[in-house]
Each structure stands twice: as structure tokens, then as C-alpha cells.
Amino acid sequence: MVIKSFNVSPATYDRYSKLCREHGISMSKQIEIFMEAQIEDDPVLKREYLEKLERVRKGKFIRVDDFAKRYGL
């Protein structure tokens, strides 16, 4: 095991720590799982997915304030 330190905003740390405590999960293990997910699989595929996701995010969207009213649900 390697001990590392990271700079995280106190608010983010506190919220995530609370979430982990409430669900009985290890914060360290969650960070490890996240890091493994970032390095496994095909990095090219991940890059292509992230580029596509960015294009989708920049797309044109219709603002819907009241979904039920707009679509009659």
C-alpha cells in the first residue's frame, strides 16, 4: 500500500466522507476503483468516448421548464 496525499476542497472532502460513512464504504477503496477505471480498457476508446461526450454536451437543447406540461404527462 502506498500513502499519497491529494488536494481536494474541504467541502468536497466532507461531502464525500459523509457519503462513504452513510453507505459503509471505504473512501480509499472508492478512489482506488476510480483510478483503476481510468487506466484500464483501451485508452483510445476512452478518448473517443470523451470527445463524443463533449460534442453532445455542446449540442443544441430545448429548454423544458415543466416536462409534464410540455409533453402532456
Protein backbone atom coordinates (compact mmCIF):
# COMPACT_ATOMS: atom_id res chain seq x y z
CA MET A 1 0.00 0.00 0.00
CA VAL A 2 1.21 3.50 -0.84
CA ILE A 3 0.11 6.54 1.09
CA LYS A 4 -0.39 9.62 -1.10
CA SER A 5 -1.95 12.97 -0.49
CA PHE A 6 -4.17 14.92 -2.86
CA ASN A 7 -5.52 18.43 -2.77
CA VAL A 8 -9.30 18.35 -2.52
CA SER A 9 -11.57 21.16 -1.46
CA PRO A 10 -12.70 20.77 2.15
CA ALA A 11 -16.36 20.93 1.13
CA THR A 12 -15.95 18.13 -1.42
CA TYR A 13 -13.98 16.02 1.03
CA ASP A 14 -16.57 16.49 3.78
CA ARG A 15 -19.49 15.62 1.49
CA TYR A 16 -17.76 12.54 0.08
CA SER A 17 -16.62 11.41 3.51
CA LYS A 18 -20.19 11.68 4.79
CA LEU A 19 -21.48 9.71 1.77
CA CYS A 20 -18.94 6.94 2.40
CA ARG A 21 -19.79 6.76 6.12
CA GLU A 22 -23.53 6.63 5.41
CA HIS A 23 -23.08 3.74 2.99
CA GLY A 24 -20.39 1.95 4.97
CA ILE A 25 -17.83 2.11 2.19
CA SER A 26 -14.13 2.86 2.24
CA MET A 27 -13.20 6.20 0.73
CA SER A 28 -9.73 4.89 -0.14
CA LYS A 29 -11.20 1.91 -1.97
CA GLN A 30 -13.54 4.16 -3.95
CA ILE A 31 -10.60 6.30 -5.05
CA GLU A 32 -8.65 3.18 -6.00
CA ILE A 33 -11.59 1.86 -8.06
CA PHE A 34 -11.87 5.23 -9.81
CA MET A 35 -8.16 5.26 -10.64
CA GLU A 36 -8.25 1.69 -11.96
CA ALA A 37 -11.23 2.54 -14.15
CA GLN A 38 -9.26 5.42 -15.65
CA ILE A 39 -6.30 3.25 -16.66
CA GLU A 40 -7.93 0.00 -17.69
CA ASP A 41 -9.51 -0.83 -21.04
CA ASP A 42 -8.42 0.82 -24.24
CA PRO A 43 -7.29 4.45 -23.71
CA VAL A 44 -8.09 5.27 -27.36
CA LEU A 45 -11.65 4.11 -26.88
CA LYS A 46 -11.95 6.21 -23.74
CA ARG A 47 -10.62 9.28 -25.56
CA GLU A 48 -13.08 8.80 -28.42
CA TYR A 49 -15.93 8.42 -25.95
CA LEU A 50 -14.91 11.56 -24.06
CA GLU A 51 -14.66 13.53 -27.31
CA LYS A 52 -18.13 12.35 -28.33
CA LEU A 53 -19.49 13.20 -24.91
CA GLU A 54 -18.06 16.71 -25.19
CA ARG A 55 -19.73 17.18 -28.59
CA VAL A 56 -23.05 16.05 -27.10
CA ARG A 57 -22.67 18.47 -24.18
CA LYS A 58 -22.12 21.35 -26.59
CA GLY A 59 -25.20 20.41 -28.63
CA LYS A 60 -28.39 22.40 -29.01
CA PHE A 61 -31.02 21.59 -26.44
CA ILE A 62 -34.64 22.59 -25.91
CA ARG A 63 -35.26 24.19 -22.54
CA VAL A 64 -38.11 22.42 -20.75
CA ASP A 65 -39.25 24.04 -17.51
CA ASP A 66 -42.23 21.77 -16.95
CA PHE A 67 -41.83 18.38 -18.62
CA ALA A 68 -45.32 17.15 -17.77
CA LYS A 69 -46.95 20.31 -19.09
CA ARG A 70 -44.88 20.34 -22.28
CA TYR A 71 -45.45 16.66 -23.10
CA GLY A 72 -48.89 16.17 -21.55
CA LEU A 73 -47.95 13.68 -18.85
